[in-house]
């Protein structure tokens, strides 16, 4: 299980903005995630780099969210998760000078990181739970 460093889920205005964006999507949304196991002596440095990286990523055109998570069962495992409005937005991000900071952290990991890029067109929230339970 992961817990978020970000307070985005607790930010009501942020949730309203996220819901508005979600309703305006006309193509597939992109989900990007990198899960890494860091050496103990590099964990603090990695988190500092990722926090700064994530904050700057959130304000980039097309970025819906950028969050950092830690695994509660494996204390040296961290994950960064991003959502992008379009493939072009993601590719611009991947080619940016800023993304080099992410690659520095990836190089610091103990094991080969798990890197995934997924697309999806539909996303639902609490209404799915309510519908299933009624």
N, C-alpha and C. Protein backbone atom coordinates (compact mmCIF):
# COMPACT_ATOMS: atom_id res chain seq x y z
N UNK A 1 0.85 -1.18 0.00
CA UNK A 1 0.00 0.00 0.00
C UNK A 1 0.88 1.23 0.00
N UNK A 2 0.43 2.25 -0.68
CA UNK A 2 1.17 3.49 -0.78
C UNK A 2 0.40 4.60 -0.08
N UNK A 3 1.12 5.58 0.43
CA UNK A 3 0.46 6.76 0.95
C UNK A 3 1.06 7.97 0.25
N UNK A 4 0.24 8.97 0.02
CA UNK A 4 0.66 10.11 -0.79
C UNK A 4 1.38 11.15 0.05
N UNK A 5 2.45 11.69 -0.49
CA UNK A 5 3.08 12.87 0.09
C UNK A 5 2.27 14.10 -0.26
N UNK A 6 1.58 14.03 -1.37
CA UNK A 6 0.82 15.16 -1.88
C UNK A 6 -0.49 15.31 -1.11
N UNK A 7 -0.93 16.54 -0.96
CA UNK A 7 -2.23 16.79 -0.33
C UNK A 7 -3.31 17.05 -1.37
N UNK A 8 -3.04 16.69 -2.63
CA UNK A 8 -3.98 17.00 -3.70
C UNK A 8 -5.37 16.42 -3.44
N UNK A 9 -5.44 15.21 -2.89
CA UNK A 9 -6.75 14.60 -2.66
C UNK A 9 -7.54 15.36 -1.60
N UNK A 10 -6.86 16.07 -0.72
CA UNK A 10 -7.55 16.80 0.34
C UNK A 10 -7.90 18.22 -0.09
N UNK A 11 -7.44 18.65 -1.23
CA UNK A 11 -7.67 20.00 -1.72
C UNK A 11 -8.96 20.02 -2.53
N UNK A 12 -10.02 20.55 -1.95
CA UNK A 12 -11.33 20.55 -2.59
C UNK A 12 -11.29 21.28 -3.93
N UNK A 13 -10.65 22.42 -3.98
CA UNK A 13 -10.56 23.15 -5.24
C UNK A 13 -9.82 22.33 -6.28
N UNK A 14 -8.78 21.64 -5.87
CA UNK A 14 -8.04 20.79 -6.78
C UNK A 14 -8.91 19.66 -7.32
N UNK A 15 -9.73 19.07 -6.48
CA UNK A 15 -10.62 18.01 -6.93
C UNK A 15 -11.64 18.53 -7.92
N UNK A 16 -12.16 19.72 -7.67
CA UNK A 16 -13.12 20.29 -8.62
C UNK A 16 -12.45 20.55 -9.96
N UNK A 17 -11.21 21.07 -9.93
CA UNK A 17 -10.47 21.32 -11.17
C UNK A 17 -10.21 20.00 -11.89
N UNK A 18 -9.81 18.98 -11.14
CA UNK A 18 -9.55 17.67 -11.73
C UNK A 18 -10.82 17.11 -12.37
N UNK A 19 -11.95 17.23 -11.69
CA UNK A 19 -13.20 16.72 -12.24
C UNK A 19 -13.58 17.49 -13.51
N UNK A 20 -13.37 18.80 -13.52
CA UNK A 20 -13.68 19.60 -14.71
C UNK A 20 -12.80 19.17 -15.87
N UNK A 21 -11.52 19.00 -15.61
CA UNK A 21 -10.62 18.54 -16.68
C UNK A 21 -11.06 17.18 -17.20
N UNK A 22 -11.41 16.29 -16.28
CA UNK A 22 -11.80 14.95 -16.68
C UNK A 22 -13.00 14.99 -17.62
N UNK A 23 -13.93 15.88 -17.38
CA UNK A 23 -15.13 15.94 -18.21
C UNK A 23 -14.84 16.57 -19.58
N UNK A 24 -13.70 17.27 -19.72
CA UNK A 24 -13.36 17.92 -20.98
C UNK A 24 -12.46 17.08 -21.86
N UNK A 25 -11.98 15.95 -21.39
CA UNK A 25 -11.08 15.15 -22.20
C UNK A 25 -11.77 14.66 -23.46
N UNK A 26 -11.06 14.79 -24.56
CA UNK A 26 -11.62 14.33 -25.82
C UNK A 26 -10.80 13.18 -26.40
N UNK A 27 -9.69 12.84 -25.76
CA UNK A 27 -8.88 11.72 -26.23
C UNK A 27 -8.36 10.97 -25.01
N UNK A 28 -7.51 10.03 -25.24
CA UNK A 28 -7.01 9.20 -24.15
C UNK A 28 -6.13 9.99 -23.19
N UNK A 29 -6.30 9.73 -21.92
CA UNK A 29 -5.43 10.30 -20.91
C UNK A 29 -4.25 9.34 -20.71
N UNK A 30 -3.09 9.89 -20.37
CA UNK A 30 -1.88 9.10 -20.19
C UNK A 30 -1.54 9.01 -18.70
N UNK A 31 -1.27 7.80 -18.25
CA UNK A 31 -0.82 7.55 -16.88
C UNK A 31 0.62 7.08 -16.97
N UNK A 32 1.51 7.74 -16.22
CA UNK A 32 2.92 7.36 -16.18
C UNK A 32 3.30 7.06 -14.74
N UNK A 33 4.01 5.97 -14.51
CA UNK A 33 4.42 5.61 -13.15
C UNK A 33 5.82 5.00 -13.18
N UNK A 34 6.61 5.39 -12.19
CA UNK A 34 7.94 4.80 -12.01
C UNK A 34 8.05 4.39 -10.54
N UNK A 35 8.30 3.11 -10.32
CA UNK A 35 8.47 2.55 -8.98
C UNK A 35 9.93 2.13 -8.83
N UNK A 36 10.59 2.62 -7.77
CA UNK A 36 12.02 2.39 -7.59
C UNK A 36 12.34 1.97 -6.16
N UNK A 37 13.29 1.09 -6.04
CA UNK A 37 13.82 0.72 -4.72
C UNK A 37 15.16 1.43 -4.56
N UNK A 38 15.22 2.32 -3.58
CA UNK A 38 16.40 3.15 -3.40
C UNK A 38 17.31 2.58 -2.31
N UNK A 39 18.63 2.76 -2.46
CA UNK A 39 19.52 2.41 -1.35
C UNK A 39 19.21 3.33 -0.17
N UNK A 40 19.29 2.81 1.03
CA UNK A 40 18.95 3.58 2.24
C UNK A 40 19.63 4.93 2.31
N UNK A 41 20.91 4.97 1.96
CA UNK A 41 21.66 6.22 2.06
C UNK A 41 21.29 7.23 0.98
N UNK A 42 20.55 6.81 -0.04
CA UNK A 42 20.15 7.71 -1.13
C UNK A 42 18.68 8.11 -1.07
N UNK A 43 17.92 7.51 -0.15
CA UNK A 43 16.48 7.74 -0.10
C UNK A 43 16.12 9.21 0.12
N UNK A 44 16.74 9.84 1.09
CA UNK A 44 16.42 11.24 1.40
C UNK A 44 16.73 12.14 0.19
N UNK A 45 17.88 11.95 -0.42
CA UNK A 45 18.26 12.74 -1.59
C UNK A 45 17.27 12.53 -2.73
N UNK A 46 16.90 11.28 -2.96
CA UNK A 46 15.95 10.96 -4.03
C UNK A 46 14.60 11.65 -3.78
N UNK A 47 14.12 11.60 -2.55
CA UNK A 47 12.84 12.24 -2.23
C UNK A 47 12.90 13.75 -2.42
N UNK A 48 14.01 14.37 -2.04
CA UNK A 48 14.15 15.81 -2.23
C UNK A 48 14.11 16.17 -3.71
N UNK A 49 14.83 15.42 -4.53
CA UNK A 49 14.83 15.67 -5.98
C UNK A 49 13.43 15.47 -6.54
N UNK A 50 12.76 14.38 -6.15
CA UNK A 50 11.43 14.08 -6.68
C UNK A 50 10.39 15.09 -6.23
N UNK A 51 10.47 15.57 -4.99
CA UNK A 51 9.51 16.59 -4.53
C UNK A 51 9.61 17.85 -5.39
N UNK A 52 10.81 18.29 -5.61
CA UNK A 52 11.03 19.48 -6.43
C UNK A 52 10.57 19.22 -7.87
N UNK A 53 10.93 18.07 -8.40
CA UNK A 53 10.55 17.69 -9.76
C UNK A 53 9.02 17.65 -9.90
N UNK A 54 8.35 17.03 -8.94
CA UNK A 54 6.90 16.90 -8.99
C UNK A 54 6.21 18.26 -8.91
N UNK A 55 6.70 19.14 -8.06
CA UNK A 55 6.11 20.48 -7.94
C UNK A 55 6.21 21.23 -9.26
N UNK A 56 7.35 21.17 -9.91
CA UNK A 56 7.53 21.86 -11.19
C UNK A 56 6.75 21.18 -12.31
N UNK A 57 6.59 19.87 -12.23
CA UNK A 57 5.84 19.14 -13.25
C UNK A 57 4.37 19.53 -13.22
N UNK A 58 3.80 19.69 -12.02
CA UNK A 58 2.37 19.99 -11.88
C UNK A 58 1.93 21.24 -12.64
N UNK A 59 2.82 22.17 -12.87
CA UNK A 59 2.45 23.42 -13.54
C UNK A 59 2.74 23.39 -15.04
N UNK A 60 3.20 22.25 -15.55
CA UNK A 60 3.49 22.13 -16.97
C UNK A 60 2.19 21.98 -17.76
N UNK A 61 2.15 22.52 -18.99
CA UNK A 61 0.95 22.38 -19.82
C UNK A 61 0.60 20.90 -20.02
N UNK A 62 -0.66 20.58 -19.79
CA UNK A 62 -1.13 19.21 -20.00
C UNK A 62 -0.98 18.29 -18.81
N UNK A 63 -0.30 18.73 -17.75
CA UNK A 63 -0.15 17.88 -16.57
C UNK A 63 -1.42 17.96 -15.73
N UNK A 64 -2.02 16.82 -15.47
CA UNK A 64 -3.21 16.75 -14.64
C UNK A 64 -2.81 16.56 -13.18
N UNK A 65 -1.81 15.70 -12.96
CA UNK A 65 -1.34 15.49 -11.59
C UNK A 65 0.05 14.88 -11.61
N UNK A 66 0.76 15.09 -10.51
CA UNK A 66 2.06 14.47 -10.29
C UNK A 66 2.16 14.24 -8.79
N UNK A 67 2.34 12.98 -8.40
CA UNK A 67 2.34 12.61 -6.98
C UNK A 67 3.50 11.66 -6.67
N UNK A 68 3.98 11.75 -5.45
CA UNK A 68 5.04 10.87 -4.97
C UNK A 68 4.46 10.00 -3.86
N UNK A 69 4.77 8.71 -3.91
CA UNK A 69 4.28 7.75 -2.92
C UNK A 69 5.45 6.96 -2.34
N UNK A 70 5.25 6.49 -1.10
CA UNK A 70 6.19 5.55 -0.49
C UNK A 70 5.44 4.30 -0.11
N UNK A 71 6.11 3.18 -0.23
CA UNK A 71 5.52 1.89 0.12
C UNK A 71 5.60 1.71 1.63
N UNK A 72 4.48 1.40 2.27
CA UNK A 72 4.47 1.25 3.73
C UNK A 72 5.07 -0.09 4.16
N UNK A 73 5.17 -1.05 3.24
CA UNK A 73 5.75 -2.35 3.56
C UNK A 73 7.23 -2.44 3.22
N UNK A 74 7.67 -1.69 2.25
CA UNK A 74 9.08 -1.67 1.84
C UNK A 74 9.56 -0.22 1.95
N UNK A 75 10.23 0.10 3.04
CA UNK A 75 10.51 1.51 3.34
C UNK A 75 11.42 2.21 2.34
N UNK A 76 12.13 1.50 1.51
CA UNK A 76 13.01 2.14 0.54
C UNK A 76 12.41 2.22 -0.87
N UNK A 77 11.14 1.85 -0.98
CA UNK A 77 10.47 1.89 -2.29
C UNK A 77 9.67 3.17 -2.40
N UNK A 78 9.90 3.88 -3.50
CA UNK A 78 9.15 5.11 -3.80
C UNK A 78 8.58 5.00 -5.20
N UNK A 79 7.52 5.75 -5.42
CA UNK A 79 6.89 5.76 -6.73
C UNK A 79 6.47 7.18 -7.07
N UNK A 80 6.66 7.55 -8.30
CA UNK A 80 6.11 8.81 -8.80
C UNK A 80 5.08 8.45 -9.85
N UNK A 81 3.95 9.13 -9.76
CA UNK A 81 2.83 8.87 -10.67
C UNK A 81 2.39 10.20 -11.28
N UNK A 82 2.19 10.19 -12.60
CA UNK A 82 1.75 11.39 -13.30
C UNK A 82 0.59 11.04 -14.22
N UNK A 83 -0.27 12.03 -14.43
CA UNK A 83 -1.35 11.91 -15.41
C UNK A 83 -1.24 13.09 -16.37
N UNK A 84 -1.32 12.78 -17.66
CA UNK A 84 -1.18 13.78 -18.72
C UNK A 84 -2.39 13.77 -19.62
N UNK A 85 -2.74 14.95 -20.13
CA UNK A 85 -3.92 15.07 -20.98
C UNK A 85 -3.72 14.45 -22.35
N UNK A 86 -2.51 14.56 -22.92
CA UNK A 86 -2.28 14.02 -24.26
C UNK A 86 -0.90 13.37 -24.34
N UNK A 87 -0.72 12.56 -25.34
CA UNK A 87 0.58 11.95 -25.62
C UNK A 87 1.62 13.03 -25.92
N UNK A 88 1.23 14.07 -26.62
CA UNK A 88 2.14 15.16 -26.94
C UNK A 88 2.63 15.86 -25.68
N UNK A 89 1.73 16.08 -24.71
CA UNK A 89 2.12 16.70 -23.44
C UNK A 89 3.16 15.83 -22.73
N UNK A 90 2.90 14.53 -22.69
CA UNK A 90 3.83 13.61 -22.04
C UNK A 90 5.19 13.62 -22.74
N UNK A 91 5.18 13.55 -24.06
CA UNK A 91 6.44 13.51 -24.80
C UNK A 91 7.24 14.80 -24.61
N UNK A 92 6.57 15.94 -24.57
CA UNK A 92 7.25 17.21 -24.30
C UNK A 92 7.92 17.15 -22.92
N UNK A 93 7.22 16.59 -21.97
CA UNK A 93 7.75 16.44 -20.60
C UNK A 93 8.97 15.51 -20.60
N UNK A 94 8.85 14.36 -21.28
CA UNK A 94 9.95 13.39 -21.29
C UNK A 94 11.20 13.95 -21.96
N UNK A 95 11.04 14.86 -22.88
CA UNK A 95 12.18 15.44 -23.61
C UNK A 95 12.72 16.71 -22.94
N UNK A 96 12.10 17.13 -21.85
CA UNK A 96 12.51 18.38 -21.20
C UNK A 96 13.80 18.22 -20.42
N UNK A 97 14.47 19.35 -20.22
CA UNK A 97 15.67 19.35 -19.38
C UNK A 97 15.32 18.94 -17.94
N UNK A 98 14.14 19.33 -17.49
CA UNK A 98 13.70 18.99 -16.14
C UNK A 98 13.63 17.48 -15.92
N UNK A 99 13.26 16.74 -16.97
CA UNK A 99 13.12 15.28 -16.83
C UNK A 99 14.46 14.61 -16.55
N UNK A 100 15.56 15.29 -16.85
CA UNK A 100 16.88 14.73 -16.51
C UNK A 100 17.01 14.49 -15.01
N UNK A 101 16.34 15.33 -14.19
CA UNK A 101 16.35 15.11 -12.74
C UNK A 101 15.71 13.78 -12.37
N UNK A 102 14.64 13.44 -13.06
CA UNK A 102 13.99 12.14 -12.83
C UNK A 102 14.95 11.01 -13.19
N UNK A 103 15.63 11.15 -14.30
CA UNK A 103 16.55 10.11 -14.74
C UNK A 103 17.72 9.94 -13.79
N UNK A 104 18.13 11.02 -13.13
CA UNK A 104 19.18 10.93 -12.10
C UNK A 104 18.70 10.03 -10.97
N UNK A 105 17.46 10.21 -10.54
CA UNK A 105 16.90 9.38 -9.46
C UNK A 105 16.77 7.93 -9.91
N UNK A 106 16.33 7.72 -11.13
CA UNK A 106 16.21 6.35 -11.67
C UNK A 106 17.57 5.66 -11.61
N UNK A 107 18.62 6.39 -11.96
CA UNK A 107 19.98 5.82 -11.93
C UNK A 107 20.44 5.50 -10.52
N UNK A 108 19.86 6.15 -9.52
CA UNK A 108 20.24 5.92 -8.12
C UNK A 108 19.62 4.64 -7.56
N UNK A 109 18.63 4.08 -8.21
CA UNK A 109 17.88 2.95 -7.64
C UNK A 109 18.74 1.69 -7.54
N UNK A 110 18.42 0.87 -6.53
CA UNK A 110 19.12 -0.39 -6.27
C UNK A 110 18.84 -1.44 -7.33
N UNK A 111 17.61 -1.46 -7.78
CA UNK A 111 17.16 -2.47 -8.74
C UNK A 111 16.60 -1.78 -9.96
N UNK A 112 16.41 -2.55 -11.00
CA UNK A 112 15.80 -2.00 -12.21
C UNK A 112 14.41 -1.47 -11.86
N UNK A 113 14.12 -0.21 -12.15
CA UNK A 113 12.81 0.34 -11.78
C UNK A 113 11.70 -0.21 -12.65
N UNK A 114 10.49 -0.19 -12.12
CA UNK A 114 9.30 -0.55 -12.89
C UNK A 114 8.77 0.74 -13.50
N UNK A 115 8.77 0.81 -14.82
CA UNK A 115 8.32 2.00 -15.53
C UNK A 115 7.14 1.60 -16.42
N UNK A 116 6.01 2.28 -16.24
CA UNK A 116 4.83 1.97 -17.04
C UNK A 116 4.19 3.25 -17.57
N UNK A 117 3.70 3.16 -18.79
CA UNK A 117 2.92 4.21 -19.41
C UNK A 117 1.63 3.55 -19.90
N UNK A 118 0.51 4.07 -19.46
CA UNK A 118 -0.79 3.49 -19.81
C UNK A 118 -1.70 4.59 -20.32
N UNK A 119 -2.65 4.21 -21.15
CA UNK A 119 -3.65 5.16 -21.61
C UNK A 119 -5.03 4.66 -21.21
N UNK A 120 -5.92 5.59 -20.92
CA UNK A 120 -7.31 5.22 -20.69
C UNK A 120 -8.20 6.39 -21.04
N UNK A 121 -9.41 6.05 -21.41
CA UNK A 121 -10.34 7.06 -21.86
C UNK A 121 -11.40 7.38 -20.83
N UNK A 122 -11.64 6.47 -19.93
CA UNK A 122 -12.70 6.68 -18.95
C UNK A 122 -12.14 6.51 -17.55
N UNK A 123 -12.58 7.36 -16.67
CA UNK A 123 -12.19 7.29 -15.27
C UNK A 123 -13.43 7.57 -14.43
N UNK A 124 -13.60 6.85 -13.36
CA UNK A 124 -14.76 7.05 -12.49
C UNK A 124 -14.28 7.17 -11.05
N UNK A 125 -15.13 7.64 -10.20
CA UNK A 125 -14.78 7.83 -8.80
C UNK A 125 -15.75 7.13 -7.88
N UNK A 126 -16.11 7.84 -6.83
CA UNK A 126 -16.94 7.26 -5.77
C UNK A 126 -18.29 6.78 -6.30
N UNK A 127 -18.73 7.34 -7.40
CA UNK A 127 -20.03 6.92 -7.96
C UNK A 127 -20.03 5.44 -8.31
N UNK A 128 -18.90 4.88 -8.66
CA UNK A 128 -18.80 3.45 -8.97
C UNK A 128 -19.07 2.62 -7.72
N UNK A 129 -18.52 3.04 -6.60
CA UNK A 129 -18.76 2.35 -5.33
C UNK A 129 -20.23 2.45 -4.93
N UNK A 130 -20.76 3.68 -5.04
CA UNK A 130 -22.16 3.89 -4.67
C UNK A 130 -23.09 3.04 -5.54
N UNK A 131 -22.81 2.98 -6.83
CA UNK A 131 -23.65 2.20 -7.73
C UNK A 131 -23.58 0.72 -7.39
N UNK A 132 -22.40 0.21 -7.10
CA UNK A 132 -22.23 -1.20 -6.78
C UNK A 132 -22.90 -1.57 -5.46
N UNK A 133 -22.91 -0.66 -4.50
CA UNK A 133 -23.43 -0.96 -3.17
C UNK A 133 -24.93 -0.70 -3.05
N UNK A 134 -25.54 -0.11 -4.04
CA UNK A 134 -26.99 0.17 -3.99
C UNK A 134 -27.78 -0.84 -4.77
